Protein backbone atom coordinates (compact mmCIF):
# COMPACT_ATOMS: atom_id res chain seq x y z
CA UNK A 1 0.00 0.00 0.00
CA UNK A 2 1.16 3.51 -0.67
CA UNK A 3 1.49 6.12 2.04
CA UNK A 4 -1.22 8.76 2.34
CA UNK A 5 -0.29 12.20 1.04
CA UNK A 6 0.96 14.72 3.59
CA UNK A 7 -1.72 17.06 4.99
CA UNK A 8 -2.10 20.39 3.25
CA UNK A 9 -0.88 23.51 4.99
CA UNK A 10 -3.74 25.45 6.54
CA UNK A 11 -4.13 28.82 4.82
CA UNK A 12 -4.96 31.86 6.89
CA UNK A 13 -7.30 34.56 5.68
CA UNK A 14 -5.89 37.73 4.17
CA UNK A 15 -6.47 41.03 5.96
CA UNK A 16 -9.00 42.06 3.34
CA UNK A 17 -10.97 38.85 3.80
CA UNK A 18 -10.90 39.31 7.58
CA UNK A 19 -12.10 42.92 7.22
CA UNK A 20 -15.07 41.99 5.03
CA UNK A 21 -15.94 39.06 7.28
CA UNK A 22 -16.12 41.39 10.30
CA UNK A 23 -18.08 44.01 8.34
CA UNK A 24 -20.58 41.37 7.24
CA UNK A 25 -20.95 40.03 10.78
CA UNK A 26 -21.61 43.55 12.10
CA UNK A 27 -23.90 44.78 9.31
CA UNK A 28 -25.97 41.60 8.94
CA UNK A 29 -27.82 41.74 12.28
CA UNK A 30 -28.33 45.52 11.98
CA UNK A 31 -29.89 45.04 8.53
CA UNK A 32 -32.17 42.30 9.86
CA UNK A 33 -33.37 44.52 12.70
CA UNK A 34 -34.00 47.40 10.30
CA UNK A 35 -35.92 45.17 7.89
CA UNK A 36 -37.96 43.79 10.77
CA UNK A 37 -39.06 47.34 11.56
CA UNK A 38 -40.09 47.80 7.95
CA UNK A 39 -41.60 44.40 7.15
CA UNK A 40 -42.66 43.16 10.56
CA UNK A 41 -43.01 39.48 11.45
CA UNK A 42 -43.01 38.23 7.86
CA UNK A 43 -39.27 38.75 7.69
CA UNK A 44 -38.64 36.35 10.59
CA UNK A 45 -40.58 33.64 8.78
CA UNK A 46 -38.24 34.02 5.79
CA UNK A 47 -35.16 34.12 8.03
CA UNK A 48 -36.35 31.00 9.85
CA UNK A 49 -36.83 29.11 6.58
CA UNK A 50 -33.36 30.16 5.40
CA UNK A 51 -31.83 29.03 8.70
CA UNK A 52 -33.54 25.64 8.43
CA UNK A 53 -32.18 25.22 4.90
CA UNK A 54 -28.67 26.25 6.03
CA UNK A 55 -28.76 23.91 9.02
CA UNK A 56 -29.93 21.03 6.83
CA UNK A 57 -27.15 21.71 4.32
CA UNK A 58 -24.59 21.93 7.12
CA UNK A 59 -25.76 18.65 8.60
CA UNK A 60 -25.66 16.95 5.19
CA UNK A 61 -22.15 18.31 4.59
CA UNK A 62 -20.97 17.01 7.96
CA UNK A 63 -22.52 13.57 7.40
CA UNK A 64 -20.95 13.28 3.93
CA UNK A 65 -17.56 14.22 5.39
CA UNK A 66 -17.95 11.55 8.06
CA UNK A 67 -18.79 8.91 5.45
CA UNK A 68 -15.57 9.62 3.49
CA UNK A 69 -13.33 8.45 6.31
PDB file of N, CA and C in Angstrom:
ATOM      1  N   UNK A   1       0.835  -1.181   0.000  1.00  0.00           N
ATOM      2  CA  UNK A   1       0.000   0.000   0.000  1.00  0.00           C
ATOM      3  C   UNK A   1       0.881   1.245   0.000  1.00  0.00           C
ATOM      4  N   UNK A   2       0.400   2.273  -0.638  1.00  0.00           N
ATOM      5  CA  UNK A   2       1.158   3.513  -0.668  1.00  0.00           C
ATOM      6  C   UNK A   2       0.806   4.364   0.545  1.00  0.00           C
ATOM      7  N   UNK A   3       1.715   5.247   0.888  1.00  0.00           N
ATOM      8  CA  UNK A   3       1.491   6.122   2.041  1.00  0.00           C
ATOM      9  C   UNK A   3       0.499   7.218   1.675  1.00  0.00           C
ATOM     10  N   UNK A   4      -0.299   7.660   2.645  1.00  0.00           N
ATOM     11  CA  UNK A   4      -1.225   8.758   2.344  1.00  0.00           C
ATOM     12  C   UNK A   4      -0.454  10.056   2.111  1.00  0.00           C
ATOM     13  N   UNK A   5      -1.005  10.939   1.297  1.00  0.00           N
ATOM     14  CA  UNK A   5      -0.290  12.202   1.038  1.00  0.00           C
ATOM     15  C   UNK A   5      -0.201  13.039   2.302  1.00  0.00           C
ATOM     16  N   UNK A   6       0.831  13.871   2.398  1.00  0.00           N
ATOM     17  CA  UNK A   6       0.961  14.723   3.594  1.00  0.00           C
ATOM     18  C   UNK A   6      -0.192  15.719   3.666  1.00  0.00           C
ATOM     19  N   UNK A   7      -0.604  16.099   4.875  1.00  0.00           N
ATOM     20  CA  UNK A   7      -1.718  17.057   4.992  1.00  0.00           C
ATOM     21  C   UNK A   7      -1.340  18.416   4.415  1.00  0.00           C
ATOM     22  N   UNK A   8      -2.326  19.060   3.820  1.00  0.00           N
ATOM     23  CA  UNK A   8      -2.103  20.394   3.251  1.00  0.00           C
ATOM     24  C   UNK A   8      -1.899  21.404   4.366  1.00  0.00           C
ATOM     25  N   UNK A   9      -1.105  22.422   4.038  1.00  0.00           N
ATOM     26  CA  UNK A   9      -0.878  23.507   4.992  1.00  0.00           C
ATOM     27  C   UNK A   9      -2.160  24.328   5.108  1.00  0.00           C
ATOM     28  N   UNK A  10      -2.546  24.666   6.317  1.00  0.00           N
ATOM     29  CA  UNK A  10      -3.743  25.454   6.541  1.00  0.00           C
ATOM     30  C   UNK A  10      -3.463  26.900   6.138  1.00  0.00           C
ATOM     31  N   UNK A  11      -4.326  27.452   5.280  1.00  0.00           N
ATOM     32  CA  UNK A  11      -4.135  28.821   4.821  1.00  0.00           C
ATOM     33  C   UNK A  11      -4.899  29.766   5.727  1.00  0.00           C
ATOM     34  N   UNK A  12      -4.269  30.847   6.082  1.00  0.00           N
ATOM     35  CA  UNK A  12      -4.957  31.860   6.886  1.00  0.00           C
ATOM     36  C   UNK A  12      -5.607  32.872   5.942  1.00  0.00           C
ATOM     37  N   UNK A  13      -6.603  33.560   6.470  1.00  0.00           N
ATOM     38  CA  UNK A  13      -7.301  34.562   5.679  1.00  0.00           C
ATOM     39  C   UNK A  13      -6.446  35.813   5.526  1.00  0.00           C
ATOM     40  N   UNK A  14      -6.599  36.466   4.376  1.00  0.00           N
ATOM     41  CA  UNK A  14      -5.891  37.734   4.174  1.00  0.00           C
ATOM     42  C   UNK A  14      -6.564  38.809   5.025  1.00  0.00           C
ATOM     43  N   UNK A  15      -5.897  39.944   5.159  1.00  0.00           N
ATOM     44  CA  UNK A  15      -6.468  41.029   5.962  1.00  0.00           C
ATOM     45  C   UNK A  15      -7.746  41.564   5.335  1.00  0.00           C
ATOM     46  N   UNK A  16      -7.789  41.606   4.017  1.00  0.00           N
ATOM     47  CA  UNK A  16      -9.000  42.062   3.339  1.00  0.00           C
ATOM     48  C   UNK A  16     -10.177  41.133   3.590  1.00  0.00           C
ATOM     49  N   UNK A  17      -9.907  39.819   3.544  1.00  0.00           N
ATOM     50  CA  UNK A  17     -10.967  38.849   3.805  1.00  0.00           C
ATOM     51  C   UNK A  17     -11.442  38.947   5.254  1.00  0.00           C
ATOM     52  N   UNK A  18     -10.514  39.154   6.170  1.00  0.00           N
ATOM     53  CA  UNK A  18     -10.896  39.315   7.579  1.00  0.00           C
ATOM     54  C   UNK A  18     -11.752  40.562   7.774  1.00  0.00           C
ATOM     55  N   UNK A  19     -11.353  41.659   7.116  1.00  0.00           N
ATOM     56  CA  UNK A  19     -12.096  42.916   7.224  1.00  0.00           C
ATOM     57  C   UNK A  19     -13.536  42.726   6.755  1.00  0.00           C
ATOM     58  N   UNK A  20     -13.723  42.147   5.559  1.00  0.00           N
ATOM     59  CA  UNK A  20     -15.073  41.992   5.030  1.00  0.00           C
ATOM     60  C   UNK A  20     -15.880  40.996   5.831  1.00  0.00           C
ATOM     61  N   UNK A  21     -15.231  40.003   6.410  1.00  0.00           N
ATOM     62  CA  UNK A  21     -15.936  39.063   7.283  1.00  0.00           C
ATOM     63  C   UNK A  21     -16.493  39.800   8.506  1.00  0.00           C
ATOM     64  N   UNK A  22     -15.673  40.631   9.123  1.00  0.00           N
ATOM     65  CA  UNK A  22     -16.119  41.392  10.300  1.00  0.00           C
ATOM     66  C   UNK A  22     -17.213  42.383   9.919  1.00  0.00           C
ATOM     67  N   UNK A  23     -17.051  43.066   8.795  1.00  0.00           N
ATOM     68  CA  UNK A  23     -18.076  44.014   8.345  1.00  0.00           C
ATOM     69  C   UNK A  23     -19.402  43.296   8.119  1.00  0.00           C
ATOM     70  N   UNK A  24     -19.355  42.137   7.493  1.00  0.00           N
ATOM     71  CA  UNK A  24     -20.577  41.367   7.239  1.00  0.00           C
ATOM     72  C   UNK A  24     -21.222  40.925   8.543  1.00  0.00           C
ATOM     73  N   UNK A  25     -20.420  40.471   9.485  1.00  0.00           N
ATOM     74  CA  UNK A  25     -20.954  40.030  10.783  1.00  0.00           C
ATOM     75  C   UNK A  25     -21.609  41.198  11.517  1.00  0.00           C
ATOM     76  N   UNK A  26     -21.045  42.400  11.403  1.00  0.00           N
ATOM     77  CA  UNK A  26     -21.611  43.555  12.096  1.00  0.00           C
ATOM     78  C   UNK A  26     -22.838  44.125  11.387  1.00  0.00           C
ATOM     79  N   UNK A  27     -22.815  44.172  10.060  1.00  0.00           N
ATOM     80  CA  UNK A  27     -23.900  44.784   9.313  1.00  0.00           C
ATOM     81  C   UNK A  27     -25.106  43.844   9.195  1.00  0.00           C
ATOM     82  N   UNK A  28     -24.877  42.556   9.124  1.00  0.00           N
ATOM     83  CA  UNK A  28     -25.968  41.601   8.938  1.00  0.00           C
ATOM     84  C   UNK A  28     -27.077  41.718   9.980  1.00  0.00           C
ATOM     85  N   UNK A  29     -26.763  41.610  11.271  1.00  0.00           N
ATOM     86  CA  UNK A  29     -27.825  41.742  12.283  1.00  0.00           C
ATOM     87  C   UNK A  29     -28.498  43.111  12.282  1.00  0.00           C
ATOM     88  N   UNK A  30     -27.732  44.182  12.026  1.00  0.00           N
ATOM     89  CA  UNK A  30     -28.327  45.521  11.979  1.00  0.00           C
ATOM     90  C   UNK A  30     -29.320  45.613  10.817  1.00  0.00           C
ATOM     91  N   UNK A  31     -28.976  45.047   9.686  1.00  0.00           N
ATOM     92  CA  UNK A  31     -29.885  45.043   8.534  1.00  0.00           C
ATOM     93  C   UNK A  31     -31.149  44.246   8.844  1.00  0.00           C
ATOM     94  N   UNK A  32     -30.992  43.099   9.493  1.00  0.00           N
ATOM     95  CA  UNK A  32     -32.169  42.296   9.858  1.00  0.00           C
ATOM     96  C   UNK A  32     -33.099  43.064  10.794  1.00  0.00           C
ATOM     97  N   UNK A  33     -32.533  43.744  11.773  1.00  0.00           N
ATOM     98  CA  UNK A  33     -33.371  44.518  12.696  1.00  0.00           C
ATOM     99  C   UNK A  33     -34.084  45.655  11.973  1.00  0.00           C
ATOM    100  N   UNK A  34     -33.379  46.323  11.069  1.00  0.00           N
ATOM    101  CA  UNK A  34     -33.998  47.396  10.304  1.00  0.00           C
ATOM    102  C   UNK A  34     -35.128  46.861   9.424  1.00  0.00           C
ATOM    103  N   UNK A  35     -34.885  45.747   8.753  1.00  0.00           N
ATOM    104  CA  UNK A  35     -35.919  45.170   7.893  1.00  0.00           C
ATOM    105  C   UNK A  35     -37.106  44.671   8.711  1.00  0.00           C
ATOM    106  N   UNK A  36     -36.863  44.214   9.915  1.00  0.00           N
ATOM    107  CA  UNK A  36     -37.965  43.787  10.774  1.00  0.00           C
ATOM    108  C   UNK A  36     -38.856  44.984  11.090  1.00  0.00           C
ATOM    109  N   UNK A  37     -38.268  46.141  11.320  1.00  0.00           N
ATOM    110  CA  UNK A  37     -39.057  47.340  11.561  1.00  0.00           C
ATOM    111  C   UNK A  37     -39.889  47.726  10.359  1.00  0.00           C
ATOM    112  N   UNK A  38     -39.364  47.443   9.171  1.00  0.00           N
ATOM    113  CA  UNK A  38     -40.086  47.796   7.948  1.00  0.00           C
ATOM    114  C   UNK A  38     -41.130  46.735   7.603  1.00  0.00           C
ATOM    115  N   UNK A  39     -40.737  45.486   7.612  1.00  0.00           N
ATOM    116  CA  UNK A  39     -41.596  44.399   7.153  1.00  0.00           C
ATOM    117  C   UNK A  39     -42.423  43.753   8.260  1.00  0.00           C
ATOM    118  N   UNK A  40     -41.932  43.804   9.473  1.00  0.00           N
ATOM    119  CA  UNK A  40     -42.657  43.158  10.558  1.00  0.00           C
ATOM    120  C   UNK A  40     -42.309  41.688  10.681  1.00  0.00           C
ATOM    121  N   UNK A  41     -43.272  40.888  11.144  1.00  0.00           N
ATOM    122  CA  UNK A  41     -43.013  39.475  11.453  1.00  0.00           C
ATOM    123  C   UNK A  41     -42.749  38.618  10.237  1.00  0.00           C
ATOM    124  N   UNK A  42     -43.202  39.051   9.067  1.00  0.00           N
ATOM    125  CA  UNK A  42     -43.006  38.231   7.859  1.00  0.00           C
ATOM    126  C   UNK A  42     -41.540  37.960   7.599  1.00  0.00           C
ATOM    127  N   UNK A  43     -40.694  38.920   7.917  1.00  0.00           N
ATOM    128  CA  UNK A  43     -39.267  38.750   7.688  1.00  0.00           C
ATOM    129  C   UNK A  43     -38.716  37.583   8.497  1.00  0.00           C
ATOM    130  N   UNK A  44     -39.160  37.428   9.746  1.00  0.00           N
ATOM    131  CA  UNK A  44     -38.642  36.355  10.591  1.00  0.00           C
ATOM    132  C   UNK A  44     -39.056  34.989  10.091  1.00  0.00           C
ATOM    133  N   UNK A  45     -40.190  34.907   9.397  1.00  0.00           N
ATOM    134  CA  UNK A  45     -40.580  33.636   8.775  1.00  0.00           C
ATOM    135  C   UNK A  45     -39.571  33.276   7.683  1.00  0.00           C
ATOM    136  N   UNK A  46     -39.214  34.255   6.864  1.00  0.00           N
ATOM    137  CA  UNK A  46     -38.238  34.018   5.792  1.00  0.00           C
ATOM    138  C   UNK A  46     -36.875  33.670   6.376  1.00  0.00           C
ATOM    139  N   UNK A  47     -36.451  34.396   7.398  1.00  0.00           N
ATOM    140  CA  UNK A  47     -35.160  34.116   8.031  1.00  0.00           C
ATOM    141  C   UNK A  47     -35.160  32.715   8.640  1.00  0.00           C
ATOM    142  N   UNK A  48     -36.253  32.335   9.277  1.00  0.00           N
ATOM    143  CA  UNK A  48     -36.354  30.996   9.853  1.00  0.00           C
ATOM    144  C   UNK A  48     -36.240  29.908   8.805  1.00  0.00           C
ATOM    145  N   UNK A  49     -36.912  30.096   7.666  1.00  0.00           N
ATOM    146  CA  UNK A  49     -36.825  29.106   6.584  1.00  0.00           C
ATOM    147  C   UNK A  49     -35.399  29.021   6.055  1.00  0.00           C
ATOM    148  N   UNK A  50     -34.753  30.168   5.870  1.00  0.00           N
ATOM    149  CA  UNK A  50     -33.364  30.161   5.403  1.00  0.00           C
ATOM    150  C   UNK A  50     -32.436  29.464   6.390  1.00  0.00           C
ATOM    151  N   UNK A  51     -32.657  29.703   7.691  1.00  0.00           N
ATOM    152  CA  UNK A  51     -31.830  29.032   8.701  1.00  0.00           C
ATOM    153  C   UNK A  51     -32.042  27.522   8.682  1.00  0.00           C
ATOM    154  N   UNK A  52     -33.281  27.084   8.512  1.00  0.00           N
ATOM    155  CA  UNK A  52     -33.541  25.645   8.426  1.00  0.00           C
ATOM    156  C   UNK A  52     -32.834  25.030   7.219  1.00  0.00           C
ATOM    157  N   UNK A  53     -32.870  25.720   6.087  1.00  0.00           N
ATOM    158  CA  UNK A  53     -32.176  25.217   4.895  1.00  0.00           C
ATOM    159  C   UNK A  53     -30.670  25.160   5.146  1.00  0.00           C
ATOM    160  N   UNK A  54     -30.117  26.218   5.758  1.00  0.00           N
ATOM    161  CA  UNK A  54     -28.670  26.253   6.027  1.00  0.00           C
ATOM    162  C   UNK A  54     -28.268  25.168   7.013  1.00  0.00           C
ATOM    163  N   UNK A  55     -29.083  24.960   8.044  1.00  0.00           N
ATOM    164  CA  UNK A  55     -28.764  23.911   9.018  1.00  0.00           C
ATOM    165  C   UNK A  55     -28.834  22.529   8.379  1.00  0.00           C
ATOM    166  N   UNK A  56     -29.831  22.310   7.536  1.00  0.00           N
ATOM    167  CA  UNK A  56     -29.934  21.030   6.830  1.00  0.00           C
ATOM    168  C   UNK A  56     -28.743  20.795   5.923  1.00  0.00           C
ATOM    169  N   UNK A  57     -28.311  21.836   5.203  1.00  0.00           N
ATOM    170  CA  UNK A  57     -27.146  21.712   4.325  1.00  0.00           C
ATOM    171  C   UNK A  57     -25.879  21.460   5.138  1.00  0.00           C
ATOM    172  N   UNK A  58     -25.752  22.149   6.265  1.00  0.00           N
ATOM    173  CA  UNK A  58     -24.588  21.933   7.124  1.00  0.00           C
ATOM    174  C   UNK A  58     -24.536  20.523   7.679  1.00  0.00           C
ATOM    175  N   UNK A  59     -25.700  20.016   8.093  1.00  0.00           N
ATOM    176  CA  UNK A  59     -25.763  18.646   8.598  1.00  0.00           C
ATOM    177  C   UNK A  59     -25.421  17.646   7.502  1.00  0.00           C
ATOM    178  N   UNK A  60     -25.967  17.853   6.307  1.00  0.00           N
ATOM    179  CA  UNK A  60     -25.658  16.953   5.188  1.00  0.00           C
ATOM    180  C   UNK A  60     -24.171  16.992   4.858  1.00  0.00           C
ATOM    181  N   UNK A  61     -23.575  18.173   4.866  1.00  0.00           N
ATOM    182  CA  UNK A  61     -22.151  18.313   4.591  1.00  0.00           C
ATOM    183  C   UNK A  61     -21.323  17.545   5.620  1.00  0.00           C
ATOM    184  N   UNK A  62     -21.696  17.685   6.880  1.00  0.00           N
ATOM    185  CA  UNK A  62     -20.969  17.006   7.958  1.00  0.00           C
ATOM    186  C   UNK A  62     -21.096  15.484   7.832  1.00  0.00           C
ATOM    187  N   UNK A  63     -22.312  15.015   7.533  1.00  0.00           N
ATOM    188  CA  UNK A  63     -22.520  13.574   7.400  1.00  0.00           C
ATOM    189  C   UNK A  63     -21.757  13.014   6.206  1.00  0.00           C
ATOM    190  N   UNK A  64     -21.717  13.753   5.093  1.00  0.00           N
ATOM    191  CA  UNK A  64     -20.954  13.282   3.927  1.00  0.00           C
ATOM    192  C   UNK A  64     -19.464  13.244   4.253  1.00  0.00           C
ATOM    193  N   UNK A  65     -18.975  14.220   5.001  1.00  0.00           N
ATOM    194  CA  UNK A  65     -17.556  14.222   5.386  1.00  0.00           C
ATOM    195  C   UNK A  65     -17.248  13.035   6.282  1.00  0.00           C
ATOM    196  N   UNK A  66     -18.175  12.692   7.173  1.00  0.00           N
ATOM    197  CA  UNK A  66     -17.952  11.548   8.062  1.00  0.00           C
ATOM    198  C   UNK A  66     -17.943  10.237   7.282  1.00  0.00           C
ATOM    199  N   UNK A  67     -18.716  10.157   6.214  1.00  0.00           N
ATOM    200  CA  UNK A  67     -18.786   8.909   5.446  1.00  0.00           C
ATOM    201  C   UNK A  67     -17.554   8.704   4.569  1.00  0.00           C
ATOM    202  N   UNK A  68     -16.786   9.751   4.313  1.00  0.00           N
ATOM    203  CA  UNK A  68     -15.570   9.620   3.486  1.00  0.00           C
ATOM    204  C   UNK A  68     -14.446   8.915   4.227  1.00  0.00           C
ATOM    205  N   UNK A  69     -14.442   8.990   5.534  1.00  0.00           N
ATOM    206  CA  UNK A  69     -13.334   8.447   6.309  1.00  0.00           C
ATOM    207  C   UNK A  69     -13.342   6.955   6.362  1.00  0.00           C
TER     208      UNK A  69
END
